[in-house]
Protein backbone atom coordinates (compact mmCIF):
# COMPACT_ATOMS: atom_id res chain seq x y z
CA MET A 1 -15.94 -17.14 -12.70
CA ASN A 2 -14.36 -13.70 -13.27
CA ASN A 3 -10.87 -13.62 -11.76
CA GLN A 4 -10.21 -9.92 -12.31
CA TYR A 5 -9.16 -7.72 -9.41
CA VAL A 6 -9.16 -3.99 -8.72
CA ALA A 7 -6.60 -2.93 -6.11
CA TYR A 8 -7.39 -0.31 -3.46
CA LEU A 9 -4.55 1.23 -1.41
CA ARG A 10 -4.85 3.82 1.32
CA VAL A 11 -2.40 5.97 3.27
CA SER A 12 -3.34 8.44 5.97
CA THR A 13 -1.18 11.44 5.03
CA GLN A 14 -0.08 13.38 1.96
CA LYS A 15 3.53 12.80 3.01
CA GLN A 16 3.08 9.03 2.90
CA GLY A 17 1.49 9.38 -0.52
CA TYR A 18 4.41 11.38 -1.95
CA SER A 19 7.16 9.26 -0.42
CA GLY A 20 5.58 5.89 -1.17
CA LEU A 21 5.92 4.82 2.45
CA GLY A 22 3.15 2.36 3.12
CA LEU A 23 2.05 2.14 -0.52
CA GLU A 24 4.91 -0.10 -1.63
CA ALA A 25 4.28 -2.47 1.26
CA GLN A 26 0.59 -2.72 0.32
CA ARG A 27 1.48 -3.37 -3.32
CA GLU A 28 3.87 -6.13 -2.28
CA ILE A 29 1.19 -7.81 -0.16
CA ILE A 30 -1.41 -7.61 -2.96
CA GLN A 31 1.01 -8.86 -5.62
CA LYS A 32 2.12 -11.73 -3.39
CA TYR A 33 -1.53 -12.73 -2.96
CA LEU A 34 -2.29 -12.50 -6.71
CA ARG A 35 0.97 -14.27 -7.71
CA ASP A 36 1.19 -14.06 -11.50
CA LYS A 37 -1.98 -11.99 -11.93
CA THR A 38 -2.04 -8.23 -12.28
CA PRO A 39 -4.88 -5.95 -11.07
CA VAL A 40 -6.89 -4.39 -13.89
CA ALA A 41 -6.52 -1.07 -12.08
CA GLU A 42 -5.13 0.46 -8.91
CA PHE A 43 -6.70 3.26 -6.86
CA VAL A 44 -4.74 5.15 -4.19
CA GLU A 45 -6.57 7.10 -1.48
CA ILE A 46 -4.85 9.62 0.78
CA GLU A 47 -7.29 9.86 3.65
CA SER A 48 -7.76 8.93 7.29
CA GLY A 49 -9.26 5.50 7.95
CA ARG A 50 -11.97 7.16 10.02
CA LYS A 51 -13.24 9.32 7.14
CA LYS A 52 -16.24 8.07 5.16
CA ASP A 53 -15.80 10.31 2.12
CA ARG A 54 -13.60 8.22 -0.18
CA PRO A 55 -13.76 9.35 -3.84
CA LYS A 56 -11.09 6.86 -4.95
CA LEU A 57 -12.88 4.00 -3.21
CA LYS A 58 -16.10 4.97 -5.01
CA GLU A 59 -14.22 4.89 -8.34
CA ALA A 60 -12.76 1.48 -7.49
CA LEU A 61 -16.16 0.04 -6.57
CA SER A 62 -17.70 1.49 -9.73
CA LEU A 63 -15.04 -0.18 -11.88
CA CYS A 64 -15.58 -3.47 -10.03
CA ARG A 65 -19.26 -3.36 -10.92
CA LYS A 66 -18.54 -2.57 -14.58
CA THR A 67 -15.95 -5.33 -14.98
CA GLU A 68 -17.42 -7.77 -12.42
CA ALA A 69 -14.04 -7.67 -10.68
CA THR A 70 -13.22 -8.27 -7.02
CA LEU A 71 -11.93 -5.40 -4.90
CA ILE A 72 -8.61 -6.44 -3.31
CA VAL A 73 -7.16 -4.70 -0.24
CA ALA A 74 -3.87 -5.50 1.49
CA LYS A 75 -5.23 -5.27 5.03
CA LEU A 76 -8.59 -4.73 6.67
CA ASP A 77 -7.54 -1.45 8.34
CA ARG A 78 -6.52 -0.03 4.92
CA LEU A 79 -10.18 -0.07 3.95
CA ALA A 80 -11.81 1.22 7.12
CA ARG A 81 -11.54 1.65 10.87
CA ASN A 82 -15.22 2.47 11.19
CA VAL A 83 -17.69 -0.34 11.89
CA SER A 84 -20.76 1.19 10.22
CA PHE A 85 -18.76 2.24 7.16
CA LEU A 86 -17.33 -1.26 6.68
CA SER A 87 -20.74 -2.84 7.31
CA ASN A 88 -22.25 -0.85 4.46
CA LEU A 89 -19.39 -1.88 2.17
CA LEU A 90 -19.80 -5.55 3.02
CA GLU A 91 -23.49 -5.36 2.19
CA ASN A 92 -22.99 -3.96 -1.33
CA ASP A 93 -22.84 -5.95 -4.55
CA VAL A 94 -19.03 -5.98 -4.91
CA GLU A 95 -16.91 -8.87 -3.69
CA ILE A 96 -14.05 -7.78 -1.41
CA VAL A 97 -10.99 -9.79 -0.43
CA PHE A 98 -8.47 -8.85 2.27
CA CYS A 99 -5.02 -10.32 1.73
CA ASP A 100 -4.31 -10.58 5.46
CA PHE A 101 -7.49 -12.62 6.05
CA PRO A 102 -8.91 -13.98 2.76
CA GLN A 103 -10.92 -16.76 4.49
CA ALA A 104 -12.88 -14.40 6.73
CA ASN A 105 -16.66 -14.31 6.31
CA LYS A 106 -18.79 -11.21 6.84
CA MET A 107 -19.48 -11.91 10.52
CA VAL A 108 -15.76 -12.22 11.31
CA LEU A 109 -14.99 -9.06 9.34
CA HIS A 110 -17.59 -7.13 11.35
CA ILE A 111 -15.91 -8.27 14.58
CA LEU A 112 -12.44 -7.38 13.29
CA SER A 113 -13.58 -3.94 12.15
CA ALA A 114 -15.06 -3.31 15.62
CA ILE A 115 -11.69 -4.19 17.17
CA SER A 116 -9.90 -2.00 14.63
CA GLN A 117 -12.20 0.94 15.42
CA TYR A 118 -11.63 0.42 19.17
CA GLU A 119 -7.84 0.45 18.64
CA ALA A 120 -8.08 3.65 16.59
CA GLU A 121 -10.13 5.32 19.33
CA LEU A 122 -7.57 4.27 21.97
CA ILE A 123 -4.71 5.72 19.89
CA ALA A 124 -6.60 8.99 19.40
CA ALA A 125 -7.36 9.21 23.15
CA ARG A 126 -3.73 8.52 24.12
CA THR A 127 -2.46 11.11 21.63
CA LYS A 128 -4.88 13.75 22.89
CA SER A 129 -3.94 13.01 26.50
CA ALA A 130 -0.20 13.22 25.75
CA LEU A 131 -0.62 16.56 23.93
CA GLN A 132 -2.66 18.00 26.79
CA ALA A 133 0.01 16.89 29.28
CA LYS A 134 2.75 18.55 27.21
CA LYS A 135 0.71 21.74 26.92
CA ALA A 136 0.19 21.76 30.69
CA ARG A 137 3.99 21.62 31.12
CA GLY A 138 4.39 24.70 28.93
CA PHE A 139 5.32 23.12 25.61
CA ARG A 140 4.22 24.94 22.46
CA LEU A 141 2.29 22.43 20.35
CA GLY A 142 3.37 23.06 16.78
CA ASN A 143 4.12 26.02 14.57
CA PRO A 144 2.04 25.92 11.35
CA GLU A 145 4.37 28.25 9.43
CA HIS A 146 7.43 26.23 10.43
CA LEU A 147 5.73 22.98 9.48
CA MET A 148 4.70 24.30 6.06
CA ASP A 149 8.26 25.55 5.37
CA LYS A 150 9.75 22.17 6.24
CA HIS A 151 7.05 19.93 4.74
CA GLU A 152 8.47 19.73 1.21
CA GLN A 153 12.01 19.26 2.51
CA ALA A 154 10.85 16.44 4.79
CA ILE A 155 9.23 14.70 1.83
CA GLN A 156 12.39 15.01 -0.27
CA ASN A 157 14.54 13.73 2.60
CA SER A 158 12.24 10.74 3.02
CA ILE A 159 12.37 9.93 -0.71
CA LYS A 160 16.16 10.24 -0.68
CA THR A 161 16.44 7.90 2.31
CA CYS A 162 14.22 5.29 0.62
CA ARG A 163 16.29 5.45 -2.56
CA GLU A 164 19.55 5.11 -0.64
CA LYS A 165 18.23 2.07 1.20
CA ALA A 166 17.10 0.50 -2.08
CA ASP A 167 20.47 1.21 -3.75
CA SER A 168 22.44 -0.30 -0.87
CA ASN A 169 20.24 -3.37 -0.50
CA PRO A 170 22.34 -6.47 -1.46
CA ASN A 171 19.33 -8.26 -3.01
CA ASN A 172 18.71 -5.28 -5.28
CA ARG A 173 22.37 -5.01 -6.30
CA ARG A 174 22.52 -8.67 -7.30
CA ALA A 175 19.21 -8.52 -9.20
CA VAL A 176 20.14 -5.31 -11.04
CA ALA A 177 23.41 -6.83 -12.25
CA MET A 178 21.42 -9.70 -13.79
CA LEU A 179 18.73 -7.34 -15.07
CA ARG A 180 21.21 -5.36 -17.18
CA THR A 181 21.95 -8.50 -19.19
CA LEU A 182 18.33 -9.69 -19.44
CA VAL A 183 17.08 -6.29 -20.61
CA LYS A 184 19.70 -6.20 -23.37
CA GLU A 185 18.51 -9.64 -24.49
CA GLU A 186 15.00 -8.10 -24.87
CA HIS A 187 13.14 -10.55 -22.63
CA THR A 188 9.58 -9.70 -21.59
CA LEU A 189 8.89 -8.63 -18.00
CA GLN A 190 7.34 -12.01 -17.22
CA GLU A 191 10.30 -13.86 -18.73
CA ILE A 192 12.71 -11.76 -16.66
CA ALA A 193 10.74 -12.46 -13.49
CA ASP A 194 10.73 -16.19 -14.23
CA ILE A 195 14.49 -16.23 -14.85
CA LEU A 196 15.27 -14.29 -11.68
CA ASN A 197 13.09 -16.62 -9.60
CA LYS A 198 14.59 -19.72 -11.23
CA GLU A 199 18.12 -18.49 -10.50
CA GLY A 200 17.28 -17.84 -6.84
CA PHE A 201 17.14 -14.04 -6.87
CA VAL A 202 14.77 -12.30 -4.42
CA THR A 203 13.48 -8.75 -3.99
CA SER A 204 14.84 -6.31 -1.40
CA LYS A 205 12.32 -7.73 1.09
CA GLY A 206 13.03 -11.36 0.24
CA TYR A 207 9.97 -11.99 -1.96
CA ARG A 208 9.69 -13.64 -5.38
CA PHE A 209 9.87 -11.43 -8.47
CA TYR A 210 6.75 -10.50 -10.44
CA LYS A 211 6.30 -8.39 -13.54
CA SER A 212 5.50 -5.35 -11.41
CA THR A 213 8.66 -5.61 -9.28
CA VAL A 214 10.83 -6.16 -12.37
CA TYR A 215 9.27 -3.08 -13.99
CA LYS A 216 9.97 -0.95 -10.90
CA LEU A 217 13.64 -1.97 -10.80
CA ILE A 218 14.07 -1.27 -14.51
CA ARG A 219 12.59 2.21 -14.06
CA ARG A 220 14.48 2.95 -10.84
CA TYR A 221 17.86 2.13 -12.38
CA ASN A 222 17.02 3.41 -15.88
CA LEU A 223 17.91 0.11 -17.54
CA LYS A 224 16.03 0.85 -20.75
């Protein structure tokens, strides 16, 4: 049995893609599911869950077919919020596993996707209703030029906030102190992860360390 996996991650906006918001959480979920395994590849899509045109998903599925790998997705709604779209995916020749519900069969996934689509439609309807109500009260709904001017700054502010949170996280500070020594001793990433776990260290979110999380910390704090 081929135990290779191809990871597929999706965020809805360009801002989320630049800042990493949402992507890191999905990576954590996938890595926690895979434990000591590493995906053979990762594909990131920046697109609404209601859109059917997914070039990165097509690339991921193509690689799965070539390598006989399983497509792994953190959560069902990261793949699709459209029933017919998900149905077509479930009928193709690629195995798909969802970390939030790995035991689900195709019938259950169809039901869940229908619920997910219904929730998405409710959110869209509530948003449209709220905007119409604000417009009726005389509010001006957005200024494209203003938004474009502030878009890049908003992204940079978001990245800065994420970095500051990571730097001030007590779990990160303790792990980085240990990492400085382990890197100098020229341990492999897997060896470092094993040592950190054995000594009781955890990630900023309280998870075990894996090669990927060790690599990210080393890069973030320029330890090499």
